[in-house]
Amino acid sequence: TFAERTNLAGVQHILLVLSGKGGVGKSTLSTELALALRSAGKRVGILDVDLCGPSIPRMLRVQDSAVHQCDSGWVPVFVGQDRAIALMSIGFLLERPDDAVVWRGPKKNALIKQFITDVAWGDLDFLIVDTPPGTSDEHISTVEALRPHQLLGAVLVTTPQ
């Protein structure tokens, strides 16, 4: 649709961060990758689609921020004094940061699609997508919603065991 093309039109590269299990450091890697790219002069966004464990707002110390609406959708939270990292997470939509998200697949999938289509990212060199652990419907929804756009690729986070 037009809105999908518009809101991701300024994004040059999309990078998925995935793993087969939880607790391997996907969110940490996503955050560190965003910080490294920012320090290299890149414009970076992070889309936190880990709906049950949105930890990136806390990692970037913006957990008390609120998301606002604009004509083209949601305005992401901008991180740091230079506002060089744009972040969207369900953590910003919860009453309290520790609230549990107890949703079935269709509602989760609808929110992921809305995050991809309705966030006004602006011009970004990289959009890093932090996914939940495993290989669930959320991953399929994310990849399906991003299919019309150029994906740079994926980083698969693993541990030795």
Protein backbone atom coordinates (compact mmCIF):
# COMPACT_ATOMS: atom_id res chain seq x y z
CA THR A 1 0.00 0.00 0.00
CA PHE A 2 0.97 3.64 -0.25
CA ALA A 3 1.55 4.03 3.51
CA GLU A 4 3.95 1.06 3.58
CA ARG A 5 6.02 2.52 0.75
CA THR A 6 5.98 5.95 2.33
CA ASN A 7 7.01 5.02 5.88
CA LEU A 8 9.84 2.67 4.83
CA ALA A 9 10.77 4.56 1.65
CA GLY A 10 13.62 6.39 3.40
CA VAL A 11 15.10 3.21 4.93
CA GLN A 12 18.16 2.02 2.99
CA HIS A 13 18.83 -1.33 4.69
CA ILE A 14 16.79 -3.58 6.97
CA LEU A 15 18.55 -6.09 9.21
CA LEU A 16 16.76 -8.82 11.20
CA VAL A 17 18.32 -10.10 14.43
CA LEU A 18 17.15 -13.67 15.13
CA SER A 19 17.88 -16.68 17.36
CA GLY A 20 16.50 -20.15 17.93
CA LYS A 21 16.20 -19.66 21.69
CA GLY A 22 15.85 -16.94 24.28
CA GLY A 23 18.53 -15.39 26.44
CA VAL A 24 21.31 -15.44 23.85
CA GLY A 25 21.73 -11.67 23.57
CA LYS A 26 19.59 -10.61 20.58
CA SER A 27 18.50 -7.35 22.18
CA THR A 28 22.01 -6.62 23.44
CA LEU A 29 23.44 -7.28 19.96
CA SER A 30 20.71 -5.14 18.33
CA THR A 31 21.45 -2.28 20.72
CA GLU A 32 25.24 -2.51 20.35
CA LEU A 33 24.94 -2.75 16.57
CA ALA A 34 22.77 0.38 16.52
CA LEU A 35 25.24 2.26 18.74
CA ALA A 36 28.20 1.18 16.59
CA LEU A 37 26.45 2.22 13.37
CA ARG A 38 25.48 5.55 14.95
CA SER A 39 29.08 6.21 16.01
CA ALA A 40 30.10 5.47 12.39
CA GLY A 41 27.84 8.35 11.34
CA LYS A 42 24.85 6.29 10.20
CA ARG A 43 21.19 7.11 10.83
CA VAL A 44 19.72 4.12 12.65
CA GLY A 45 16.33 2.84 13.78
CA ILE A 46 15.48 -0.13 15.96
CA LEU A 47 12.14 -1.91 15.67
CA ASP A 48 11.67 -4.04 18.79
CA VAL A 49 9.16 -6.75 17.83
CA ASP A 50 9.97 -8.86 20.90
CA LEU A 51 6.45 -8.29 22.21
CA CYS A 52 6.77 -10.41 25.36
CA GLY A 53 10.17 -9.07 26.41
CA PRO A 54 10.72 -5.53 25.12
CA SER A 55 14.09 -4.80 26.75
CA ILE A 56 15.62 -2.29 24.32
CA PRO A 57 13.87 0.81 25.79
CA ARG A 58 15.47 -0.02 29.16
CA MET A 59 18.87 -0.73 27.56
CA LEU A 60 18.83 2.70 25.91
CA ARG A 61 17.41 4.38 29.05
CA VAL A 62 14.25 5.66 27.36
CA GLN A 63 11.73 3.31 29.03
CA ASP A 64 9.70 6.28 30.38
CA SER A 65 9.20 7.81 26.93
CA ALA A 66 5.87 8.00 25.14
CA VAL A 67 5.02 7.45 21.50
CA HIS A 68 3.09 10.20 19.70
CA GLN A 69 0.97 10.24 16.54
CA CYS A 70 1.65 12.30 13.44
CA ASP A 71 -0.01 12.47 10.01
CA SER A 72 1.92 9.46 8.71
CA GLY A 73 1.56 7.29 11.84
CA TRP A 74 3.51 6.80 15.06
CA VAL A 75 6.58 8.91 15.74
CA PRO A 76 9.38 6.70 17.12
CA VAL A 77 11.23 7.67 20.30
CA PHE A 78 14.55 9.34 19.53
CA VAL A 79 17.47 8.26 21.72
CA GLY A 80 20.37 10.33 23.02
CA GLN A 81 21.19 14.01 22.94
CA ASP A 82 21.88 13.82 19.20
CA ARG A 83 18.57 11.95 18.66
CA ALA A 84 20.46 9.70 16.22
CA ILE A 85 18.65 6.44 17.02
CA ALA A 86 14.91 6.09 16.38
CA LEU A 87 13.22 3.37 18.44
CA MET A 88 9.77 1.77 18.37
CA SER A 89 8.80 -0.85 20.93
CA ILE A 90 5.68 -2.21 22.57
CA GLY A 91 7.39 -1.19 25.81
CA PHE A 92 6.28 2.39 25.07
CA LEU A 93 2.63 1.32 24.75
CA LEU A 94 2.35 -0.51 28.10
CA GLU A 95 1.02 1.13 31.26
CA ARG A 96 4.01 -0.13 33.24
CA PRO A 97 7.27 -1.40 31.72
CA ASP A 98 6.97 -4.75 33.52
CA ASP A 99 3.39 -5.44 32.34
CA ALA A 100 2.99 -8.79 30.62
CA VAL A 101 1.71 -8.97 27.06
CA VAL A 102 -0.68 -11.91 26.96
CA TRP A 103 -1.94 -11.94 23.39
CA ARG A 104 -2.71 -14.69 20.92
CA GLY A 105 -1.13 -14.85 17.47
CA PRO A 106 -3.55 -12.70 15.44
CA LYS A 107 -3.28 -9.71 17.77
CA LYS A 108 0.53 -9.98 17.93
CA ASN A 109 0.73 -10.30 14.16
CA ALA A 110 -1.51 -7.27 13.66
CA LEU A 111 0.69 -5.15 15.95
CA ILE A 112 3.86 -6.24 14.13
CA LYS A 113 2.29 -5.30 10.79
CA GLN A 114 1.20 -1.97 12.28
CA PHE A 115 4.74 -1.34 13.58
CA ILE A 116 6.12 -1.95 10.08
CA THR A 117 3.53 0.09 8.19
CA ASP A 118 2.55 2.86 10.65
CA VAL A 119 5.84 4.13 12.11
CA ALA A 120 7.19 7.35 10.55
CA TRP A 121 10.87 6.32 10.38
CA GLY A 122 12.02 9.11 8.09
CA ASP A 123 15.43 8.71 6.45
CA LEU A 124 17.50 5.88 7.92
CA ASP A 125 20.62 4.12 6.74
CA PHE A 126 19.73 1.02 8.80
CA LEU A 127 16.59 -0.34 10.46
CA ILE A 128 17.48 -3.11 12.91
CA VAL A 129 14.59 -5.45 13.74
CA ASP A 130 14.98 -7.20 17.11
CA THR A 131 12.80 -10.32 16.98
CA PRO A 132 11.47 -12.60 19.74
CA PRO A 133 13.25 -15.90 20.39
CA GLY A 134 12.42 -18.97 18.37
CA THR A 135 10.64 -19.42 15.05
CA SER A 136 7.09 -18.31 15.75
CA ASP A 137 4.25 -16.64 13.87
CA GLU A 138 5.79 -13.29 14.79
CA HIS A 139 8.79 -14.06 12.58
CA ILE A 140 6.59 -15.05 9.66
CA SER A 141 4.49 -11.88 10.11
CA THR A 142 7.62 -9.72 10.25
CA VAL A 143 9.19 -11.22 7.13
CA GLU A 144 5.88 -11.13 5.23
CA ALA A 145 5.31 -7.46 6.09
CA LEU A 146 8.89 -6.60 5.09
CA ARG A 147 8.85 -8.70 1.88
CA PRO A 148 8.15 -5.70 -0.44
CA HIS A 149 11.24 -3.91 0.94
CA GLN A 150 14.92 -4.55 0.40
CA LEU A 151 16.26 -6.58 3.29
CA LEU A 152 19.96 -6.35 3.92
CA GLY A 153 19.83 -9.68 5.67
CA ALA A 154 19.80 -11.32 9.05
CA VAL A 155 22.12 -11.86 11.97
CA LEU A 156 21.60 -15.20 13.70
CA VAL A 157 22.68 -15.09 17.34
CA THR A 158 23.80 -18.45 18.73
CA THR A 159 25.56 -19.86 21.78
CA PRO A 160 28.07 -22.74 21.91
CA GLN A 161 25.67 -25.25 23.52
